[in-house]
Each structure stands twice: as C-alpha cells, then as structure tokens.
C-alpha atoms as a PDB file:
ATOM      1  CA  UNK A   1      30.345 -13.437 -53.084  1.00  0.00           C
ATOM      2  CA  UNK A   2      27.827 -14.683 -55.621  1.00  0.00           C
ATOM      3  CA  UNK A   3      29.241 -16.270 -58.765  1.00  0.00           C
ATOM      4  CA  UNK A   4      27.518 -15.826 -62.119  1.00  0.00           C
ATOM      5  CA  UNK A   5      28.047 -17.051 -65.671  1.00  0.00           C
ATOM      6  CA  UNK A   6      26.805 -14.985 -68.611  1.00  0.00           C
ATOM      7  CA  UNK A   7      26.571 -17.011 -71.814  1.00  0.00           C
ATOM      8  CA  UNK A   8      26.110 -14.822 -74.879  1.00  0.00           C
ATOM      9  CA  UNK A   9      27.621 -11.339 -75.023  1.00  0.00           C
ATOM     10  CA  UNK A  10      25.213  -9.400 -77.186  1.00  0.00           C
ATOM     11  CA  UNK A  11      23.951  -6.038 -75.957  1.00  0.00           C
ATOM     12  CA  UNK A  12      21.835  -7.586 -73.188  1.00  0.00           C
ATOM     13  CA  UNK A  13      24.446 -10.099 -71.971  1.00  0.00           C
ATOM     14  CA  UNK A  14      27.276  -7.568 -72.114  1.00  0.00           C
ATOM     15  CA  UNK A  15      25.424  -4.934 -70.079  1.00  0.00           C
ATOM     16  CA  UNK A  16      24.256  -7.555 -67.582  1.00  0.00           C
ATOM     17  CA  UNK A  17      27.825  -8.815 -67.070  1.00  0.00           C
ATOM     18  CA  UNK A  18      29.039  -5.267 -66.446  1.00  0.00           C
ATOM     19  CA  UNK A  19      26.195  -4.472 -64.041  1.00  0.00           C
ATOM     20  CA  UNK A  20      26.725  -7.633 -61.978  1.00  0.00           C
ATOM     21  CA  UNK A  21      30.456  -6.957 -61.740  1.00  0.00           C
ATOM     22  CA  UNK A  22      29.840  -3.383 -60.592  1.00  0.00           C
ATOM     23  CA  UNK A  23      27.616  -4.754 -57.832  1.00  0.00           C
ATOM     24  CA  UNK A  24      30.430  -6.963 -56.534  1.00  0.00           C
ATOM     25  CA  UNK A  25      29.647 -10.305 -58.182  1.00  0.00           C
ATOM     26  CA  UNK A  26      32.191 -12.685 -59.683  1.00  0.00           C
ATOM     27  CA  UNK A  27      31.309 -13.076 -63.364  1.00  0.00           C
ATOM     28  CA  UNK A  28      32.410 -15.562 -66.008  1.00  0.00           C
ATOM     29  CA  UNK A  29      31.546 -14.154 -69.449  1.00  0.00           C
ATOM     30  CA  UNK A  30      31.232 -16.566 -72.384  1.00  0.00           C
ATOM     31  CA  UNK A  31      30.701 -16.119 -76.115  1.00  0.00           C
ATOM     32  CA  UNK A  32      31.408 -18.069 -79.306  1.00  0.00           C
ATOM     33  CA  UNK A  33      33.039 -15.035 -80.909  1.00  0.00           C
ATOM     34  CA  UNK A  34      36.382 -13.626 -79.815  1.00  0.00           C
ATOM     35  CA  UNK A  35      35.409  -9.978 -80.382  1.00  0.00           C
ATOM     36  CA  UNK A  36      32.927  -9.637 -77.496  1.00  0.00           C
ATOM     37  CA  UNK A  37      35.173 -11.737 -75.243  1.00  0.00           C
ATOM     38  CA  UNK A  38      38.095  -9.358 -75.773  1.00  0.00           C
ATOM     39  CA  UNK A  39      35.814  -6.355 -75.262  1.00  0.00           C
ATOM     40  CA  UNK A  40      34.442  -7.575 -71.909  1.00  0.00           C
ATOM     41  CA  UNK A  41      37.597  -9.109 -70.430  1.00  0.00           C
ATOM     42  CA  UNK A  42      38.643  -5.987 -68.497  1.00  0.00           C
ATOM     43  CA  UNK A  43      35.234  -5.758 -66.805  1.00  0.00           C
ATOM     44  CA  UNK A  44      34.716  -9.316 -65.517  1.00  0.00           C
ATOM     45  CA  UNK A  45      36.540 -11.994 -63.533  1.00  0.00           C
ATOM     46  CA  UNK A  46      36.934 -14.373 -66.488  1.00  0.00           C
ATOM     47  CA  UNK A  47      36.114 -13.946 -70.186  1.00  0.00           C
ATOM     48  CA  UNK A  48      36.373 -16.980 -72.440  1.00  0.00           C
ATOM     49  CA  UNK A  49      35.560 -17.996 -76.002  1.00  0.00           C
ATOM     50  CA  UNK A  50      33.805 -21.356 -76.156  1.00  0.00           C
ATOM     51  CA  UNK A  51      30.816 -23.238 -77.530  1.00  0.00           C
ATOM     52  CA  UNK A  52      28.226 -23.201 -74.752  1.00  0.00           C
ATOM     53  CA  UNK A  53      26.582 -26.368 -76.118  1.00  0.00           C
ATOM     54  CA  UNK A  54      29.815 -28.303 -75.420  1.00  0.00           C
ATOM     55  CA  UNK A  55      29.494 -29.980 -72.012  1.00  0.00           C
ATOM     56  CA  UNK A  56      33.218 -30.627 -71.636  1.00  0.00           C
ATOM     57  CA  UNK A  57      34.092 -27.014 -72.449  1.00  0.00           C
ATOM     58  CA  UNK A  58      31.613 -25.735 -69.849  1.00  0.00           C
ATOM     59  CA  UNK A  59      32.976 -28.014 -67.150  1.00  0.00           C
ATOM     60  CA  UNK A  60      36.575 -27.139 -68.021  1.00  0.00           C
ATOM     61  CA  UNK A  61      35.790 -23.482 -67.271  1.00  0.00           C
ATOM     62  CA  UNK A  62      33.915 -24.302 -64.057  1.00  0.00           C
ATOM     63  CA  UNK A  63      30.582 -23.039 -65.397  1.00  0.00           C
ATOM     64  CA  UNK A  64      28.801 -25.879 -63.584  1.00  0.00           C
ATOM     65  CA  UNK A  65      30.027 -24.460 -60.253  1.00  0.00           C
ATOM     66  CA  UNK A  66      28.412 -21.019 -60.506  1.00  0.00           C
ATOM     67  CA  UNK A  67      25.426 -19.975 -58.409  1.00  0.00           C
ATOM     68  CA  UNK A  68      23.455 -18.556 -61.336  1.00  0.00           C
ATOM     69  CA  UNK A  69      23.869 -18.947 -65.094  1.00  0.00           C
ATOM     70  CA  UNK A  70      22.176 -16.495 -67.438  1.00  0.00           C
ATOM     71  CA  UNK A  71      21.809 -17.600 -71.064  1.00  0.00           C
ATOM     72  CA  UNK A  72      21.575 -14.575 -73.359  1.00  0.00           C
ATOM     73  CA  UNK A  73      21.935 -16.118 -76.834  1.00  0.00           C
ATOM     74  CA  UNK A  74      19.317 -14.071 -78.648  1.00  0.00           C
ATOM     75  CA  UNK A  75      19.616 -14.969 -82.334  1.00  0.00           C
ATOM     76  CA  UNK A  76      20.049 -18.747 -82.153  1.00  0.00           C
ATOM     77  CA  UNK A  77      17.212 -20.268 -80.140  1.00  0.00           C
ATOM     78  CA  UNK A  78      18.430 -23.838 -80.657  1.00  0.00           C
ATOM     79  CA  UNK A  79      21.760 -23.003 -79.004  1.00  0.00           C
ATOM     80  CA  UNK A  80      19.931 -20.976 -76.354  1.00  0.00           C
ATOM     81  CA  UNK A  81      17.718 -23.952 -75.497  1.00  0.00           C
ATOM     82  CA  UNK A  82      20.492 -26.568 -75.617  1.00  0.00           C
ATOM     83  CA  UNK A  83      22.764 -24.461 -73.434  1.00  0.00           C
ATOM     84  CA  UNK A  84      20.010 -23.878 -70.874  1.00  0.00           C
ATOM     85  CA  UNK A  85      19.108 -27.572 -70.617  1.00  0.00           C
ATOM     86  CA  UNK A  86      22.761 -28.580 -70.409  1.00  0.00           C
ATOM     87  CA  UNK A  87      23.375 -26.165 -67.540  1.00  0.00           C
ATOM     88  CA  UNK A  88      20.453 -27.661 -65.617  1.00  0.00           C
ATOM     89  CA  UNK A  89      21.800 -31.163 -66.245  1.00  0.00           C
ATOM     90  CA  UNK A  90      25.220 -30.064 -64.976  1.00  0.00           C
ATOM     91  CA  UNK A  91      23.617 -29.025 -61.697  1.00  0.00           C
ATOM     92  CA  UNK A  92      23.693 -25.227 -61.870  1.00  0.00           C
ATOM     93  CA  UNK A  93      21.288 -24.187 -59.057  1.00  0.00           C
ATOM     94  CA  UNK A  94      19.566 -21.387 -60.975  1.00  0.00           C
ATOM     95  CA  UNK A  95      19.377 -21.004 -64.742  1.00  0.00           C
ATOM     96  CA  UNK A  96      17.895 -17.812 -66.182  1.00  0.00           C
ATOM     97  CA  UNK A  97      17.331 -17.687 -69.936  1.00  0.00           C
ATOM     98  CA  UNK A  98      16.505 -14.859 -72.291  1.00  0.00           C
ATOM     99  CA  UNK A  99      13.648 -15.389 -74.736  1.00  0.00           C
ATOM    100  CA  UNK A 100      12.797 -13.158 -77.665  1.00  0.00           C
ATOM    101  CA  UNK A 101       9.251 -14.447 -78.317  1.00  0.00           C
ATOM    102  CA  UNK A 102       6.420 -15.796 -76.143  1.00  0.00           C
ATOM    103  CA  UNK A 103       6.641 -19.233 -77.825  1.00  0.00           C
ATOM    104  CA  UNK A 104      10.288 -19.463 -76.765  1.00  0.00           C
ATOM    105  CA  UNK A 105       9.273 -18.600 -73.219  1.00  0.00           C
ATOM    106  CA  UNK A 106       6.748 -21.454 -73.212  1.00  0.00           C
ATOM    107  CA  UNK A 107       9.327 -23.963 -74.473  1.00  0.00           C
ATOM    108  CA  UNK A 108      11.945 -22.887 -71.929  1.00  0.00           C
ATOM    109  CA  UNK A 109       9.474 -23.118 -69.066  1.00  0.00           C
ATOM    110  CA  UNK A 110       8.352 -26.538 -70.289  1.00  0.00           C
ATOM    111  CA  UNK A 111      11.896 -27.923 -70.003  1.00  0.00           C
ATOM    112  CA  UNK A 112      12.295 -26.664 -66.443  1.00  0.00           C
ATOM    113  CA  UNK A 113      14.305 -23.452 -66.765  1.00  0.00           C
ATOM    114  CA  UNK A 114      14.102 -21.557 -63.474  1.00  0.00           C
ATOM    115  CA  UNK A 115      13.357 -18.124 -64.876  1.00  0.00           C
ATOM    116  CA  UNK A 116      12.711 -16.808 -68.369  1.00  0.00           C
ATOM    117  CA  UNK A 117      13.086 -13.125 -69.230  1.00  0.00           C
ATOM    118  CA  UNK A 118      11.873 -11.230 -72.287  1.00  0.00           C
ATOM    119  CA  UNK A 119      13.864  -7.973 -72.048  1.00  0.00           C
ATOM    120  CA  UNK A 120      12.274  -6.210 -75.009  1.00  0.00           C
ATOM    121  CA  UNK A 121       8.739  -7.048 -73.873  1.00  0.00           C
ATOM    122  CA  UNK A 122       9.470  -6.098 -70.261  1.00  0.00           C
ATOM    123  CA  UNK A 123      10.958  -2.732 -71.267  1.00  0.00           C
ATOM    124  CA  UNK A 124       7.893  -2.035 -73.389  1.00  0.00           C
ATOM    125  CA  UNK A 125       5.571  -2.866 -70.497  1.00  0.00           C
ATOM    126  CA  UNK A 126       7.562  -0.703 -68.070  1.00  0.00           C
ATOM    127  CA  UNK A 127       7.407   2.249 -70.441  1.00  0.00           C
ATOM    128  CA  UNK A 128       3.659   1.738 -70.881  1.00  0.00           C
ATOM    129  CA  UNK A 129       3.155   1.781 -67.090  1.00  0.00           C
ATOM    130  CA  UNK A 130       5.256   4.953 -66.775  1.00  0.00           C
ATOM    131  CA  UNK A 131       3.306   6.711 -69.517  1.00  0.00           C
ATOM    132  CA  UNK A 132      -0.115   5.664 -68.231  1.00  0.00           C
ATOM    133  CA  UNK A 133       0.350   6.121 -64.478  1.00  0.00           C
ATOM    134  CA  UNK A 134       2.013   9.276 -63.069  1.00  0.00           C
ATOM    135  CA  UNK A 135       2.596   7.591 -59.676  1.00  0.00           C
ATOM    136  CA  UNK A 136       4.395   4.584 -61.178  1.00  0.00           C
ATOM    137  CA  UNK A 137       8.061   4.067 -60.224  1.00  0.00           C
ATOM    138  CA  UNK A 138       9.131   0.507 -61.067  1.00  0.00           C
ATOM    139  CA  UNK A 139       7.838  -2.966 -61.844  1.00  0.00           C
ATOM    140  CA  UNK A 140       9.641  -6.303 -61.651  1.00  0.00           C
ATOM    141  CA  UNK A 141       8.313  -9.337 -63.495  1.00  0.00           C
ATOM    142  CA  UNK A 142       8.792 -12.428 -61.330  1.00  0.00           C
ATOM    143  CA  UNK A 143       7.667 -15.004 -63.880  1.00  0.00           C
ATOM    144  CA  UNK A 144       4.255 -16.042 -65.104  1.00  0.00           C
ATOM    145  CA  UNK A 145       1.726 -13.383 -64.132  1.00  0.00           C
ATOM    146  CA  UNK A 146       3.315 -12.432 -60.791  1.00  0.00           C
ATOM    147  CA  UNK A 147       4.958  -9.013 -60.515  1.00  0.00           C
ATOM    148  CA  UNK A 148       6.296  -6.633 -57.879  1.00  0.00           C
ATOM    149  CA  UNK A 149       5.361  -2.985 -58.379  1.00  0.00           C
ATOM    150  CA  UNK A 150       6.553   0.173 -56.646  1.00  0.00           C
ATOM    151  CA  UNK A 151       4.483   3.326 -56.928  1.00  0.00           C
ATOM    152  CA  UNK A 152       3.846   6.570 -55.075  1.00  0.00           C
ATOM    153  CA  UNK A 153       0.778   6.274 -52.861  1.00  0.00           C
ATOM    154  CA  UNK A 154      -2.224   7.713 -54.723  1.00  0.00           C
ATOM    155  CA  UNK A 155      -4.181  10.506 -53.114  1.00  0.00           C
ATOM    156  CA  UNK A 156      -7.154   8.175 -52.503  1.00  0.00           C
ATOM    157  CA  UNK A 157      -4.984   6.074 -50.115  1.00  0.00           C
ATOM    158  CA  UNK A 158      -3.468   8.936 -48.086  1.00  0.00           C
ATOM    159  CA  UNK A 159      -4.713   9.096 -44.506  1.00  0.00           C
ATOM    160  CA  UNK A 160      -6.314   5.648 -44.645  1.00  0.00           C
ATOM    161  CA  UNK A 161      -5.155   2.492 -42.896  1.00  0.00           C
ATOM    162  CA  UNK A 162      -4.464  -0.732 -44.758  1.00  0.00           C
ATOM    163  CA  UNK A 163      -7.548  -2.187 -43.115  1.00  0.00           C
ATOM    164  CA  UNK A 164      -9.622   0.571 -44.710  1.00  0.00           C
ATOM    165  CA  UNK A 165      -7.958   0.320 -48.124  1.00  0.00           C
ATOM    166  CA  UNK A 166      -8.379  -3.489 -48.259  1.00  0.00           C
ATOM    167  CA  UNK A 167      -5.741  -4.111 -50.911  1.00  0.00           C
ATOM    168  CA  UNK A 168      -5.969  -7.887 -50.605  1.00  0.00           C
ATOM    169  CA  UNK A 169      -9.742  -8.268 -50.614  1.00  0.00           C
ATOM    170  CA  UNK A 170     -10.436  -5.583 -53.256  1.00  0.00           C
ATOM    171  CA  UNK A 171      -7.482  -6.121 -55.578  1.00  0.00           C
ATOM    172  CA  UNK A 172      -5.821  -9.411 -54.639  1.00  0.00           C
ATOM    173  CA  UNK A 173      -2.559  -7.593 -53.823  1.00  0.00           C
ATOM    174  CA  UNK A 174      -0.185  -7.894 -50.874  1.00  0.00           C
ATOM    175  CA  UNK A 175       1.657  -4.825 -49.567  1.00  0.00           C
ATOM    176  CA  UNK A 176       5.223  -5.891 -48.801  1.00  0.00           C
ATOM    177  CA  UNK A 177       6.821  -2.665 -47.569  1.00  0.00           C
ATOM    178  CA  UNK A 178       6.296   1.068 -47.354  1.00  0.00           C
ATOM    179  CA  UNK A 179       9.203   3.396 -48.114  1.00  0.00           C
ATOM    180  CA  UNK A 180       8.704   6.618 -46.158  1.00  0.00           C
ATOM    181  CA  UNK A 181      10.790   9.776 -46.422  1.00  0.00           C
ATOM    182  CA  UNK A 182      11.813  11.755 -43.370  1.00  0.00           C
ATOM    183  CA  UNK A 183      14.133  14.666 -42.770  1.00  0.00           C
ATOM    184  CA  UNK A 184      17.036  14.308 -40.369  1.00  0.00           C
ATOM    185  CA  UNK A 185      19.211  17.081 -38.958  1.00  0.00           C
ATOM    186  CA  UNK A 186      22.852  16.421 -38.048  1.00  0.00           C
ATOM    187  CA  UNK A 187      24.884  18.118 -35.309  1.00  0.00           C
ATOM    188  CA  UNK A 188      25.831  20.960 -37.653  1.00  0.00           C
ATOM    189  CA  UNK A 189      22.222  21.649 -38.500  1.00  0.00           C
ATOM    190  CA  UNK A 190      22.390  20.202 -42.006  1.00  0.00           C
ATOM    191  CA  UNK A 191      19.168  18.575 -43.121  1.00  0.00           C
ATOM    192  CA  UNK A 192      19.182  15.380 -45.162  1.00  0.00           C
ATOM    193  CA  UNK A 193      16.426  13.088 -46.424  1.00  0.00           C
ATOM    194  CA  UNK A 194      16.341   9.521 -45.127  1.00  0.00           C
ATOM    195  CA  UNK A 195      14.196   6.586 -46.233  1.00  0.00           C
ATOM    196  CA  UNK A 196      12.534   4.393 -43.606  1.00  0.00           C
ATOM    197  CA  UNK A 197      11.433   0.896 -44.606  1.00  0.00           C
ATOM    198  CA  UNK A 198       8.167   0.082 -42.841  1.00  0.00           C
ATOM    199  CA  UNK A 199       6.709  -3.413 -42.519  1.00  0.00           C
ATOM    200  CA  UNK A 200       2.985  -2.656 -42.736  1.00  0.00           C
ATOM    201  CA  UNK A 201       0.222  -3.781 -40.388  1.00  0.00           C
ATOM    202  CA  UNK A 202      -3.528  -3.487 -40.728  1.00  0.00           C
ATOM    203  CA  UNK A 203      -3.447  -0.332 -38.569  1.00  0.00           C
ATOM    204  CA  UNK A 204      -0.660   1.343 -40.596  1.00  0.00           C
ATOM    205  CA  UNK A 205      -1.881   4.582 -42.175  1.00  0.00           C
ATOM    206  CA  UNK A 206      -0.592   5.698 -45.575  1.00  0.00           C
ATOM    207  CA  UNK A 207       1.104   9.093 -45.631  1.00  0.00           C
ATOM    208  CA  UNK A 208       1.645  11.555 -48.434  1.00  0.00           C
ATOM    209  CA  UNK A 209       4.823  10.777 -50.448  1.00  0.00           C
ATOM    210  CA  UNK A 210       4.896   7.129 -49.269  1.00  0.00           C
ATOM    211  CA  UNK A 211       6.136   4.621 -51.836  1.00  0.00           C
ATOM    212  CA  UNK A 212       4.253   1.319 -51.754  1.00  0.00           C
ATOM    213  CA  UNK A 213       5.786  -1.988 -52.814  1.00  0.00           C
ATOM    214  CA  UNK A 214       3.169  -4.597 -53.703  1.00  0.00           C
ATOM    215  CA  UNK A 215       3.217  -8.105 -55.117  1.00  0.00           C
ATOM    216  CA  UNK A 216       0.452  -9.729 -57.129  1.00  0.00           C
ATOM    217  CA  UNK A 217      -0.812 -10.656 -60.557  1.00  0.00           C
ATOM    218  CA  UNK A 218      -0.295  -8.148 -63.356  1.00  0.00           C
ATOM    219  CA  UNK A 219      -4.036  -8.017 -64.047  1.00  0.00           C
ATOM    220  CA  UNK A 220      -4.720  -7.132 -60.409  1.00  0.00           C
ATOM    221  CA  UNK A 221      -1.989  -4.476 -60.400  1.00  0.00           C
ATOM    222  CA  UNK A 222      -3.548  -2.947 -63.511  1.00  0.00           C
ATOM    223  CA  UNK A 223      -6.996  -2.990 -61.884  1.00  0.00           C
ATOM    224  CA  UNK A 224      -5.680  -1.173 -58.825  1.00  0.00           C
ATOM    225  CA  UNK A 225      -3.707   1.430 -60.812  1.00  0.00           C
ATOM    226  CA  UNK A 226      -6.604   2.123 -63.180  1.00  0.00           C
ATOM    227  CA  UNK A 227      -9.332   2.451 -60.564  1.00  0.00           C
ATOM    228  CA  UNK A 228     -10.195   6.052 -59.793  1.00  0.00           C
END
C-alpha cells in the first residue's frame, strides 16, 4: 500500500488527503494549525500538528519514510519552499508541491522538486478545453508542456487507420490507448456495456464512440483539437 504525506490542510490539501484515503492509500496529514488536524483525523491514518520546516519534527513522525509527499501550503511560499527542499534532503522519493503562481513553479523546479502543480490554473485550463471542444473528456498535466488528453474520436478520424491519420507526423502526438465500448449479454439475457482497452497499431481503425488517450505537448494537442 502506497504511503503519502500531505503537508498543509487547506481546501486543496484536505480534499487530496480524503481522496487518497478513499483509494486505499495510507495518509499522514500535517498542518501547523490544530483545527484542520482535528477535522481530518477521522479520514486519514495519522493527523498531526507540527511545523513542516522542522526537520526533527518531520523525522519523528516518519514523514521521511513515505513514498510521496505533497506540499500544499498555499499562502506562505517561504514555508512551502523550505518544506519541499527539506523533504528532498530527507530522502523522500517523490515530492510534489503546489504553486499558486508561475514564478513559484519556476523556483520549485529550479531546486529539484519532482512535480509542481498549479491547481487553480489547471482547473481553468480544463474548463476551457471542455467549453471549446465538445469531444473533450479529460486532460492531465504531466509537468512542463507535456500532457495526456482523453477525448471522443472526432468524426474525421472514424473509419481511418492510425497510419492514415498520422497523429505523430502531423501533430507530434502519440496515441497510448483506445477505450472502446461494447455490449455484452449475460446468461439471463441482460445487456451491459463493457470497456475494452486497445493497444493501437498502425493498422488499427478508429470506430465511432472510441475514446482516444494521447500524450504530447499542449500546443500540439491544441493544434489537433482545433483543426477541422
């Protein structure tokens, strides 16, 4: 079972701690204030009040032994930065840190933080994609300019093979998987919808209602989605 530490229990950190716990992870939740700690304690493995910039306090709670630490201190960037660097120095394998502004993202990346997230910016971008593109389903920002996007196959792709569509040569995108719906009847005659995960080949033809999962640069994803 994966072990996580969430440092900073504002709205983002609190919801993340709950979501990870619901998915079966072991979560240590940390905040400087007692209020959020008391509020989260029934939802996580451990909830503790401590100063995350205190190396001895972190080690005493075993924070250095987690698989992933997520720093969610939104209003105090100095503490956010110091905590993130300290966790890396303590040997935490993966440190993910929340940033609230692009300049904070640049600083965090410069000091070697594994992944930086800007929740407000990402939510705004996701909403923009959903409003602009009817086929859009989801997008995940991997860091830098690289993203993973899932969208319903556009009509212009249906019936064509990947060799004909030429996603890589035309758009610089790689198709990772195709999610394809099919109906299945059980012994009682009940019909249910199943999802097949298809690893695509050059000869794979796109079908109506397929969901495509692609990885590439955001600018290339935009070019593909916007092209008629």
